[in-house]
N, C-alpha and C. Protein backbone atom coordinates (compact mmCIF):
# COMPACT_ATOMS: atom_id res chain seq x y z
N MET A 1 16.38 -8.21 6.81
CA MET A 1 16.71 -6.86 6.48
C MET A 1 17.70 -6.81 5.32
N GLN A 2 18.59 -7.77 5.28
CA GLN A 2 19.57 -7.79 4.19
C GLN A 2 18.91 -7.98 2.84
N GLU A 3 17.86 -8.80 2.80
CA GLU A 3 17.17 -9.04 1.54
C GLU A 3 16.50 -7.76 1.03
N VAL A 4 15.85 -7.04 1.92
CA VAL A 4 15.19 -5.80 1.53
C VAL A 4 16.23 -4.77 1.09
N SER A 5 17.30 -4.68 1.84
CA SER A 5 18.38 -3.75 1.49
C SER A 5 18.98 -4.07 0.13
N SER A 6 19.14 -5.36 -0.17
CA SER A 6 19.72 -5.74 -1.46
C SER A 6 18.79 -5.38 -2.62
N VAL A 7 17.48 -5.43 -2.40
CA VAL A 7 16.54 -5.02 -3.45
C VAL A 7 16.72 -3.54 -3.76
N PHE A 8 16.81 -2.71 -2.73
CA PHE A 8 17.03 -1.28 -2.94
C PHE A 8 18.37 -1.03 -3.64
N ASN A 9 19.40 -1.77 -3.24
CA ASN A 9 20.72 -1.60 -3.83
C ASN A 9 20.74 -1.91 -5.31
N VAL A 10 19.97 -2.90 -5.74
CA VAL A 10 19.90 -3.25 -7.16
C VAL A 10 19.46 -2.04 -7.99
N TYR A 11 18.56 -1.25 -7.44
CA TYR A 11 18.04 -0.08 -8.15
C TYR A 11 18.81 1.20 -7.82
N GLY A 12 19.90 1.06 -7.08
CA GLY A 12 20.73 2.22 -6.75
C GLY A 12 20.11 3.14 -5.73
N ILE A 13 19.19 2.62 -4.93
CA ILE A 13 18.51 3.42 -3.91
C ILE A 13 19.21 3.21 -2.57
N SER A 14 19.65 4.31 -1.98
CA SER A 14 20.33 4.24 -0.69
C SER A 14 19.31 4.44 0.43
N VAL A 15 19.20 3.46 1.32
CA VAL A 15 18.28 3.55 2.45
C VAL A 15 19.08 3.31 3.72
N ASN A 16 18.96 4.21 4.66
CA ASN A 16 19.66 4.09 5.93
C ASN A 16 19.19 2.82 6.65
N HIS A 17 20.14 2.06 7.19
CA HIS A 17 19.78 0.79 7.83
C HIS A 17 18.88 0.99 9.05
N HIS A 18 18.90 2.16 9.66
CA HIS A 18 18.01 2.43 10.79
C HIS A 18 16.54 2.45 10.35
N HIS A 19 16.30 2.95 9.14
CA HIS A 19 14.93 2.98 8.62
C HIS A 19 14.43 1.56 8.38
N LEU A 20 15.28 0.73 7.80
CA LEU A 20 14.89 -0.66 7.57
C LEU A 20 14.69 -1.40 8.89
N SER A 21 15.48 -1.06 9.88
CA SER A 21 15.34 -1.68 11.20
C SER A 21 14.00 -1.31 11.83
N LEU A 22 13.58 -0.05 11.68
CA LEU A 22 12.27 0.37 12.20
C LEU A 22 11.13 -0.39 11.55
N ILE A 23 11.23 -0.57 10.23
CA ILE A 23 10.20 -1.32 9.51
C ILE A 23 10.17 -2.77 9.98
N ALA A 24 11.35 -3.37 10.13
CA ALA A 24 11.42 -4.76 10.59
C ALA A 24 10.84 -4.89 12.00
N ASP A 25 11.15 -3.94 12.88
CA ASP A 25 10.60 -3.97 14.24
C ASP A 25 9.08 -3.84 14.22
N TYR A 26 8.56 -2.96 13.37
CA TYR A 26 7.11 -2.78 13.26
C TYR A 26 6.44 -4.06 12.78
N MET A 27 7.05 -4.70 11.79
CA MET A 27 6.45 -5.90 11.21
C MET A 27 6.41 -7.06 12.20
N ARG A 28 7.27 -7.06 13.21
CA ARG A 28 7.33 -8.17 14.17
C ARG A 28 6.87 -7.75 15.57
N PHE A 29 6.30 -6.58 15.72
CA PHE A 29 5.95 -6.02 17.02
C PHE A 29 5.07 -6.95 17.85
N ASP A 30 4.07 -7.57 17.25
CA ASP A 30 3.13 -8.42 17.98
C ASP A 30 3.57 -9.88 18.08
N GLY A 31 4.75 -10.20 17.57
CA GLY A 31 5.23 -11.58 17.62
C GLY A 31 4.98 -12.36 16.35
N ASP A 32 4.08 -11.89 15.51
CA ASP A 32 3.82 -12.49 14.21
C ASP A 32 4.25 -11.50 13.14
N TYR A 33 4.36 -11.98 11.91
CA TYR A 33 4.68 -11.08 10.81
C TYR A 33 3.45 -10.26 10.45
N GLU A 34 3.61 -8.97 10.38
CA GLU A 34 2.54 -8.06 9.96
C GLU A 34 2.93 -7.49 8.60
N SER A 35 2.03 -7.57 7.67
CA SER A 35 2.29 -7.05 6.33
C SER A 35 2.52 -5.55 6.39
N PHE A 36 3.57 -5.08 5.75
CA PHE A 36 3.84 -3.65 5.69
C PHE A 36 3.27 -3.12 4.38
N SER A 37 1.96 -3.11 4.31
CA SER A 37 1.24 -2.66 3.12
C SER A 37 -0.08 -2.06 3.57
N ARG A 38 -0.87 -1.57 2.63
CA ARG A 38 -2.16 -0.99 3.01
C ARG A 38 -3.07 -2.03 3.65
N PHE A 39 -2.88 -3.30 3.31
CA PHE A 39 -3.69 -4.37 3.90
C PHE A 39 -3.28 -4.63 5.35
N GLY A 40 -2.00 -4.54 5.63
CA GLY A 40 -1.52 -4.69 7.00
C GLY A 40 -1.92 -3.53 7.88
N MET A 41 -2.06 -2.35 7.27
CA MET A 41 -2.46 -1.16 8.03
C MET A 41 -3.92 -1.21 8.46
N ASN A 42 -4.73 -2.04 7.83
CA ASN A 42 -6.15 -2.14 8.21
C ASN A 42 -6.32 -2.55 9.66
N SER A 43 -5.39 -3.34 10.18
CA SER A 43 -5.51 -3.81 11.56
C SER A 43 -4.95 -2.82 12.57
N ASN A 44 -4.34 -1.74 12.11
CA ASN A 44 -3.75 -0.75 13.00
C ASN A 44 -4.85 0.14 13.57
N SER A 45 -4.77 0.43 14.86
CA SER A 45 -5.83 1.21 15.51
C SER A 45 -5.63 2.71 15.37
N SER A 46 -4.48 3.16 14.91
CA SER A 46 -4.21 4.59 14.81
C SER A 46 -4.62 5.13 13.44
N PRO A 47 -5.63 5.99 13.40
CA PRO A 47 -6.06 6.55 12.11
C PRO A 47 -4.95 7.34 11.42
N PHE A 48 -4.14 8.07 12.18
CA PHE A 48 -3.07 8.85 11.56
C PHE A 48 -2.00 7.95 10.95
N GLN A 49 -1.70 6.86 11.61
CA GLN A 49 -0.73 5.93 11.04
C GLN A 49 -1.30 5.28 9.78
N GLN A 50 -2.56 4.94 9.79
CA GLN A 50 -3.19 4.37 8.61
C GLN A 50 -3.15 5.37 7.45
N MET A 51 -3.46 6.63 7.74
CA MET A 51 -3.51 7.64 6.68
C MET A 51 -2.14 7.96 6.11
N SER A 52 -1.09 7.65 6.84
CA SER A 52 0.26 7.95 6.35
C SER A 52 0.74 6.91 5.35
N PHE A 53 -0.08 5.94 5.04
CA PHE A 53 0.36 4.85 4.17
C PHE A 53 -0.56 4.69 2.97
N GLU A 54 -0.09 5.03 1.80
CA GLU A 54 -0.69 4.77 0.48
C GLU A 54 -2.09 5.33 0.25
N THR A 55 -3.11 4.85 0.93
CA THR A 55 -4.49 5.20 0.59
C THR A 55 -5.09 6.13 1.64
N THR A 56 -4.61 7.37 1.65
CA THR A 56 -4.99 8.33 2.67
C THR A 56 -6.49 8.56 2.75
N MET A 57 -7.12 8.84 1.63
CA MET A 57 -8.55 9.17 1.64
C MET A 57 -9.42 8.00 2.09
N LYS A 58 -9.05 6.80 1.72
CA LYS A 58 -9.82 5.62 2.14
C LYS A 58 -9.80 5.50 3.67
N PHE A 59 -8.61 5.62 4.25
CA PHE A 59 -8.50 5.50 5.70
C PHE A 59 -9.15 6.69 6.40
N LEU A 60 -9.06 7.89 5.81
CA LEU A 60 -9.68 9.07 6.40
C LEU A 60 -11.20 8.94 6.43
N ARG A 61 -11.78 8.48 5.33
CA ARG A 61 -13.23 8.27 5.29
C ARG A 61 -13.67 7.23 6.33
N SER A 62 -12.95 6.13 6.37
CA SER A 62 -13.30 5.06 7.32
C SER A 62 -13.21 5.54 8.76
N ALA A 63 -12.14 6.27 9.08
CA ALA A 63 -11.96 6.76 10.44
C ALA A 63 -13.05 7.76 10.81
N THR A 64 -13.46 8.59 9.85
CA THR A 64 -14.52 9.57 10.10
C THR A 64 -15.86 8.89 10.34
N VAL A 65 -16.19 7.93 9.50
CA VAL A 65 -17.47 7.22 9.62
C VAL A 65 -17.54 6.45 10.93
N ARG A 66 -16.43 5.81 11.32
CA ARG A 66 -16.42 5.02 12.56
C ARG A 66 -16.23 5.88 13.80
N GLY A 67 -15.83 7.14 13.63
CA GLY A 67 -15.59 8.00 14.78
C GLY A 67 -14.31 7.64 15.52
N ASP A 68 -13.32 7.15 14.78
CA ASP A 68 -12.05 6.76 15.41
C ASP A 68 -11.35 7.97 16.01
N VAL A 69 -10.62 7.72 17.09
CA VAL A 69 -9.87 8.75 17.79
C VAL A 69 -8.43 8.29 17.91
N ASP A 70 -7.50 9.22 17.69
CA ASP A 70 -6.08 8.92 17.87
C ASP A 70 -5.58 9.76 19.03
N THR A 71 -5.11 9.12 20.09
CA THR A 71 -4.69 9.84 21.29
C THR A 71 -3.31 10.47 21.15
N LEU A 72 -2.62 10.17 20.06
CA LEU A 72 -1.28 10.69 19.82
C LEU A 72 -0.43 10.50 21.04
């Protein structure tokens, strides 16, 4: 988390440490490192979570074609 925080600090971007902690927890949720990118989101089963990251229309089309359901 310190490394990611230091990258933001170099550019003068202030990020609350709780947000970085949530990202770190998400990346390690299954016990392995999960990429926090559009490629890592491909393995996520929640269509809404996939759509909230970078390539909304791609994930929306895929979820519609596959008939994915998000139980929220």
